[in-house]
């Protein structure tokens, strides 16, 4: 009986864990909530809000590089390791930043508004 219960609990746990999708979109934002405004300085944004391919919120990540020189590439590498495919910000500092994103297989997306609105709009266009 204990084995059956253990297997049953394991299956339920596995289905709950697998219900969350894979990281798809990272939104560079000024606050730590999904209602936070997009950042105009993406590499130095204080937080990144991560969504899956369906627009479901996954996590908020504090940017450990926000005060560093060369923050953009370090932040993008961190997010790429999480598996993101799209990086959204209010603005990008130039073509070099966009080129770096593309070289990592990440699509840049400009969006003004909140992280939630960016996810809804950008993932719908996918």
Protein backbone atom coordinates (compact mmCIF):
# COMPACT_ATOMS: atom_id res chain seq x y z
CA UNK A 1 0.00 0.00 0.00
CA UNK A 2 2.83 2.39 0.86
CA UNK A 3 4.47 1.71 -2.53
CA UNK A 4 1.26 2.46 -4.40
CA UNK A 5 0.78 5.69 -2.47
CA UNK A 6 4.40 6.71 -3.10
CA UNK A 7 4.08 6.03 -6.84
CA UNK A 8 0.81 7.95 -6.96
CA UNK A 9 2.28 10.98 -5.15
CA UNK A 10 5.36 10.86 -7.42
CA UNK A 11 3.18 10.87 -10.54
CA UNK A 12 1.14 13.82 -9.30
CA UNK A 13 4.30 15.76 -8.43
CA UNK A 14 5.84 14.99 -11.84
CA UNK A 15 2.72 16.17 -13.67
CA UNK A 16 2.62 19.44 -11.68
CA UNK A 17 6.32 20.11 -12.31
CA UNK A 18 6.03 19.33 -16.03
CA UNK A 19 2.93 21.53 -16.38
CA UNK A 20 5.13 24.63 -16.35
CA UNK A 21 6.57 25.30 -19.78
CA UNK A 22 10.11 26.01 -20.79
CA UNK A 23 11.49 29.55 -20.55
CA UNK A 24 10.73 31.42 -23.77
CA UNK A 25 10.55 35.19 -23.16
CA UNK A 26 12.55 37.39 -20.81
CA UNK A 27 11.19 40.89 -20.24
CA UNK A 28 13.67 43.48 -18.93
CA UNK A 29 11.74 45.44 -16.30
CA UNK A 30 12.18 48.17 -13.70
CA UNK A 31 10.40 46.29 -10.88
CA UNK A 32 10.00 42.75 -9.62
CA UNK A 33 6.32 42.27 -10.53
CA UNK A 34 4.70 41.16 -13.78
CA UNK A 35 2.93 44.55 -13.82
CA UNK A 36 6.30 46.36 -13.82
CA UNK A 37 7.18 48.73 -16.65
CA UNK A 38 9.63 47.60 -19.31
CA UNK A 39 13.16 48.94 -18.97
CA UNK A 40 14.81 51.27 -21.50
CA UNK A 41 18.23 49.98 -20.38
CA UNK A 42 17.90 46.23 -20.94
CA UNK A 43 21.33 45.06 -19.84
CA UNK A 44 21.13 47.10 -16.65
CA UNK A 45 17.46 46.39 -15.91
CA UNK A 46 17.01 45.55 -12.23
CA UNK A 47 14.86 42.48 -13.01
CA UNK A 48 13.91 40.04 -15.74
CA UNK A 49 10.46 38.46 -15.81
CA UNK A 50 10.48 35.04 -17.47
CA UNK A 51 7.49 33.57 -19.32
CA UNK A 52 6.99 30.25 -21.07
CA UNK A 53 5.97 29.77 -24.71
CA UNK A 54 2.29 30.18 -23.76
CA UNK A 55 2.82 33.44 -21.88
CA UNK A 56 2.61 31.85 -18.45
CA UNK A 57 4.72 33.56 -15.80
CA UNK A 58 7.58 31.34 -14.62
CA UNK A 59 9.87 33.45 -12.45
CA UNK A 60 11.37 36.82 -11.64
CA UNK A 61 15.16 37.01 -11.81
CA UNK A 62 17.14 39.81 -10.18
CA UNK A 63 19.87 41.09 -12.50
CA UNK A 64 23.15 40.43 -10.71
CA UNK A 65 25.03 42.43 -13.38
CA UNK A 66 22.95 45.65 -13.31
CA UNK A 67 25.80 47.68 -11.81
CA UNK A 68 28.61 46.06 -13.80
CA UNK A 69 30.48 47.35 -16.84
CA UNK A 70 29.41 45.16 -19.78
CA UNK A 71 26.18 44.17 -18.05
CA UNK A 72 24.29 43.44 -21.27
CA UNK A 73 26.29 40.44 -22.54
CA UNK A 74 26.60 38.95 -19.05
CA UNK A 75 22.85 39.25 -18.44
CA UNK A 76 22.02 37.80 -21.85
CA UNK A 77 24.36 34.85 -21.29
CA UNK A 78 22.65 34.17 -17.94
CA UNK A 79 19.20 34.30 -19.55
CA UNK A 80 20.28 32.18 -22.50
CA UNK A 81 21.42 29.50 -20.05
CA UNK A 82 17.83 29.51 -18.77
CA UNK A 83 16.66 28.81 -22.32
CA UNK A 84 15.05 32.08 -23.41
CA UNK A 85 14.44 32.66 -27.10
CA UNK A 86 13.04 36.22 -27.03
CA UNK A 87 14.36 39.20 -25.06
CA UNK A 88 12.01 42.17 -24.70
CA UNK A 89 12.84 45.69 -23.57
CA UNK A 90 11.44 49.19 -24.06
CA UNK A 91 14.49 50.13 -26.09
CA UNK A 92 17.84 48.72 -27.16
CA UNK A 93 21.04 50.78 -26.95
CA UNK A 94 22.04 50.02 -30.52
CA UNK A 95 22.58 47.53 -33.28
CA UNK A 96 25.54 45.98 -31.49
CA UNK A 97 23.32 44.85 -28.59
CA UNK A 98 20.74 43.44 -31.01
CA UNK A 99 23.53 41.71 -32.95
CA UNK A 100 24.80 40.10 -29.75
CA UNK A 101 21.31 38.81 -28.97
CA UNK A 102 20.95 37.36 -32.46
CA UNK A 103 24.40 35.74 -32.25
CA UNK A 104 23.13 33.90 -29.15
CA UNK A 105 19.97 32.76 -30.94
CA UNK A 106 17.78 35.24 -29.05
CA UNK A 107 15.33 37.49 -30.88
CA UNK A 108 15.17 41.11 -29.68
CA UNK A 109 11.71 42.63 -29.23
CA UNK A 110 10.86 46.26 -28.48
CA UNK A 111 7.78 46.75 -26.33
CA UNK A 112 6.49 49.69 -24.31
CA UNK A 113 4.24 48.82 -21.40
CA UNK A 114 4.32 46.13 -18.74
CA UNK A 115 5.95 42.72 -18.71
CA UNK A 116 2.55 40.98 -18.74
CA UNK A 117 1.39 43.01 -21.73
CA UNK A 118 4.65 42.28 -23.53
CA UNK A 119 4.21 38.55 -22.97
CA UNK A 120 0.60 38.61 -24.17
CA UNK A 121 1.42 40.66 -27.25
CA UNK A 122 4.73 39.14 -28.30
CA UNK A 123 3.81 35.52 -27.72
CA UNK A 124 0.53 35.96 -29.59
CA UNK A 125 2.56 37.12 -32.64
CA UNK A 126 4.69 33.96 -32.51
